[in-house]
């Protein structure tokens, strides 16, 4: 698994051993960032259920100003820190542009200057039905200052998310038995 574009293109990413994470594929990340295009440079991000940190790290490689990684698993959080150092070294930016917080994704709290423009969510698929309503409610509160923020949510293709107060803007994916990514924005 590698960074697929930007200044750190080709940098390999460490992934914790075992089944603690299910990293987003290179192809899915390429499709997501191709769709995001000009929204990435200068953006701040929040990467929930960060795993290896692939989505947030891809954003840094493509010019994001920085962000916050939230990962509950200690081994995965350590991999995110290691990957962050490698990507930042390759891009020539300080690793201080992002922070890694080892905590539950539903417990995140952000400082006013950390309000994200982009939120990446790639949770364990089996927990999505249980977590999604609370997650979108938390995000609605967290994004009040940025009504044009975009939530990028990876899930199995057979799952149709329709969170109250959110508008589906776009969906990427190949079908019911493949991962898909849905782009949501707060309904205005």
Protein backbone atom coordinates (compact mmCIF):
# COMPACT_ATOMS: atom_id res chain seq x y z
CA UNK A 1 0.00 0.00 0.00
CA UNK A 2 1.40 3.36 -1.08
CA UNK A 3 0.51 7.03 -1.36
CA UNK A 4 -1.08 7.26 -4.81
CA UNK A 5 -0.58 10.93 -5.70
CA UNK A 6 0.93 14.26 -4.80
CA UNK A 7 4.38 15.11 -3.43
CA UNK A 8 4.70 11.83 -1.47
CA UNK A 9 3.51 9.60 -4.32
CA UNK A 10 4.95 6.10 -4.00
CA UNK A 11 5.79 6.33 -0.28
CA UNK A 12 4.87 2.97 1.29
CA UNK A 13 2.47 2.97 4.24
CA UNK A 14 2.85 0.71 7.26
CA UNK A 15 -0.21 -1.26 8.32
CA UNK A 16 -0.53 -3.04 11.67
CA UNK A 17 -0.39 -6.81 11.51
CA UNK A 18 -3.55 -8.80 12.01
CA UNK A 19 -7.07 -7.71 11.25
CA UNK A 20 -7.06 -4.47 13.27
CA UNK A 21 -7.52 -2.41 10.09
CA UNK A 22 -8.85 -2.79 6.55
CA UNK A 23 -6.97 -0.16 4.56
CA UNK A 24 -8.65 1.74 1.76
CA UNK A 25 -7.34 0.45 -1.55
CA UNK A 26 -5.02 2.57 -3.68
CA UNK A 27 -7.63 2.59 -6.45
CA UNK A 28 -10.41 3.78 -4.15
CA UNK A 29 -8.21 6.57 -2.76
CA UNK A 30 -7.26 7.63 -6.30
CA UNK A 31 -10.95 7.83 -7.25
CA UNK A 32 -11.80 9.80 -4.10
CA UNK A 33 -9.02 12.33 -4.57
CA UNK A 34 -9.72 12.66 -8.27
CA UNK A 35 -13.30 13.58 -7.31
CA UNK A 36 -12.16 15.99 -4.59
CA UNK A 37 -9.69 17.74 -6.91
CA UNK A 38 -9.24 21.41 -6.00
CA UNK A 39 -10.92 20.99 -2.59
CA UNK A 40 -7.78 19.35 -1.15
CA UNK A 41 -5.00 21.98 -1.38
CA UNK A 42 -5.08 24.12 1.75
CA UNK A 43 -7.90 22.08 3.35
CA UNK A 44 -7.99 20.84 6.92
CA UNK A 45 -9.16 17.26 7.45
CA UNK A 46 -10.45 14.89 10.10
CA UNK A 47 -9.65 11.21 9.52
CA UNK A 48 -11.94 9.07 11.71
CA UNK A 49 -11.19 5.37 12.16
CA UNK A 50 -7.83 6.32 10.64
CA UNK A 51 -6.36 2.79 10.52
CA UNK A 52 -3.10 3.33 8.62
CA UNK A 53 -3.99 6.99 8.05
CA UNK A 54 -4.17 6.48 4.29
CA UNK A 55 -6.93 9.02 3.56
CA UNK A 56 -5.46 11.85 5.65
CA UNK A 57 -1.92 11.11 4.50
CA UNK A 58 -3.06 11.16 0.89
CA UNK A 59 -4.59 14.58 1.60
CA UNK A 60 -1.29 15.87 3.04
CA UNK A 61 0.59 14.54 0.01
CA UNK A 62 -1.83 16.43 -2.23
CA UNK A 63 -1.47 19.75 -0.42
CA UNK A 64 -3.88 19.72 2.53
CA UNK A 65 -2.88 22.17 5.26
CA UNK A 66 -3.16 19.50 7.95
CA UNK A 67 -5.60 17.75 10.18
CA UNK A 68 -6.42 15.28 12.90
CA UNK A 69 -6.26 11.48 12.81
CA UNK A 70 -8.50 9.59 15.27
CA UNK A 71 -7.68 5.91 15.83
CA UNK A 72 -8.65 3.80 18.84
CA UNK A 73 -6.28 0.85 18.27
CA UNK A 74 -2.80 1.49 19.76
CA UNK A 75 -0.90 -0.45 17.08
CA UNK A 76 -2.77 1.31 14.29
CA UNK A 77 -2.19 4.73 15.91
CA UNK A 78 1.53 3.94 16.07
CA UNK A 79 1.47 3.10 12.35
CA UNK A 80 -0.29 6.41 11.60
CA UNK A 81 2.48 8.28 13.47
CA UNK A 82 5.16 6.38 11.56
CA UNK A 83 3.40 6.97 8.23
CA UNK A 84 2.86 10.66 9.04
CA UNK A 85 6.59 11.13 9.65
CA UNK A 86 7.45 9.44 6.33
CA UNK A 87 4.89 11.39 4.27
CA UNK A 88 5.82 14.72 5.86
CA UNK A 89 9.52 14.08 5.29
CA UNK A 90 8.80 13.34 1.63
CA UNK A 91 6.61 16.44 1.19
CA UNK A 92 8.98 18.71 3.10
CA UNK A 93 6.42 19.77 5.71
CA UNK A 94 6.59 19.41 9.47
CA UNK A 95 4.78 16.43 10.99
CA UNK A 96 3.20 18.99 13.35
CA UNK A 97 0.67 19.81 10.58
CA UNK A 98 -1.35 16.87 11.89
CA UNK A 99 -2.03 15.23 15.21
CA UNK A 100 -2.76 11.58 15.95
CA UNK A 101 -5.19 10.98 18.81
CA UNK A 102 -5.72 7.51 20.19
CA UNK A 103 -9.40 7.53 21.11
CA UNK A 104 -12.83 6.33 20.10
CA UNK A 105 -14.12 8.05 16.96
CA UNK A 106 -17.36 9.07 18.67
CA UNK A 107 -15.39 10.88 21.39
CA UNK A 108 -13.48 13.31 19.20
CA UNK A 109 -13.30 16.95 20.18
CA UNK A 110 -11.75 19.61 18.00
CA UNK A 111 -10.35 23.04 18.75
CA UNK A 112 -11.95 25.88 16.74
CA UNK A 113 -8.89 26.07 14.45
CA UNK A 114 -9.19 22.32 13.74
CA UNK A 115 -12.66 22.44 12.15
CA UNK A 116 -12.23 20.34 9.02
CA UNK A 117 -13.11 21.06 5.42
CA UNK A 118 -12.96 17.31 4.68
CA UNK A 119 -13.90 14.40 6.92
CA UNK A 120 -12.75 10.91 5.97
CA UNK A 121 -14.59 8.00 7.60
CA UNK A 122 -13.62 4.38 6.95
CA UNK A 123 -15.05 2.42 9.91
CA UNK A 124 -15.19 -1.32 10.45
CA UNK A 125 -18.01 -2.29 8.10
CA UNK A 126 -19.80 -4.41 10.67
CA UNK A 127 -20.22 -1.37 12.97
CA UNK A 128 -21.56 1.13 10.42
CA UNK A 129 -25.29 0.57 11.02
CA UNK A 130 -24.79 1.02 14.76
CA UNK A 131 -22.36 3.98 14.56
CA UNK A 132 -23.56 6.05 11.61
CA UNK A 133 -26.48 7.91 13.25
CA UNK A 134 -24.40 9.05 16.24
CA UNK A 135 -21.42 9.83 14.03
CA UNK A 136 -23.39 12.06 11.66
CA UNK A 137 -25.05 13.81 14.63
CA UNK A 138 -21.60 14.57 16.13
CA UNK A 139 -20.35 15.80 12.76
CA UNK A 140 -23.37 18.08 12.31
CA UNK A 141 -22.39 19.82 15.55
CA UNK A 142 -18.66 19.85 14.74
CA UNK A 143 -19.15 21.33 11.26
CA UNK A 144 -21.53 24.19 12.11
CA UNK A 145 -18.75 26.70 11.31
CA UNK A 146 -18.09 25.05 7.91
CA UNK A 147 -21.43 24.32 6.20
CA UNK A 148 -19.57 23.58 2.95
CA UNK A 149 -17.56 20.76 4.55
CA UNK A 150 -17.64 17.38 2.84
CA UNK A 151 -17.84 13.97 4.54
CA UNK A 152 -16.26 11.11 2.60
CA UNK A 153 -17.66 7.83 3.96
CA UNK A 154 -16.41 4.41 2.83
CA UNK A 155 -18.80 1.48 3.27
CA UNK A 156 -19.80 -1.80 1.62
CA UNK A 157 -21.62 -1.29 -1.68
CA UNK A 158 -24.81 -2.94 -0.49
CA UNK A 159 -25.23 -0.38 2.31
CA UNK A 160 -27.26 2.75 1.50
CA UNK A 161 -26.66 5.50 4.03
CA UNK A 162 -29.27 8.27 4.27
CA UNK A 163 -28.42 10.27 7.39
CA UNK A 164 -30.97 12.86 8.46
CA UNK A 165 -29.78 16.41 7.81
CA UNK A 166 -27.24 15.35 5.17
CA UNK A 167 -27.32 15.36 1.37
CA UNK A 168 -25.64 12.66 -0.71
CA UNK A 169 -23.57 14.51 -3.33
CA UNK A 170 -21.83 11.63 -5.08
CA UNK A 171 -21.16 7.93 -4.78
CA UNK A 172 -18.14 6.04 -6.11
CA UNK A 173 -17.90 2.26 -6.39
CA UNK A 174 -18.43 -0.74 -8.60
CA UNK A 175 -21.38 -2.54 -7.10
CA UNK A 176 -23.06 -4.28 -4.22
CA UNK A 177 -20.16 -6.48 -3.17
CA UNK A 178 -17.39 -3.88 -3.50
CA UNK A 179 -16.44 -0.96 -1.25
CA UNK A 180 -18.09 2.32 -2.17
CA UNK A 181 -17.50 5.87 -1.05
CA UNK A 182 -20.33 8.33 -0.50
CA UNK A 183 -19.78 12.10 -0.36
CA UNK A 184 -22.15 13.92 2.02
CA UNK A 185 -22.61 17.57 2.88
CA UNK A 186 -24.83 19.11 5.52
CA UNK A 187 -28.28 19.92 4.13
CA UNK A 188 -28.66 23.66 4.11
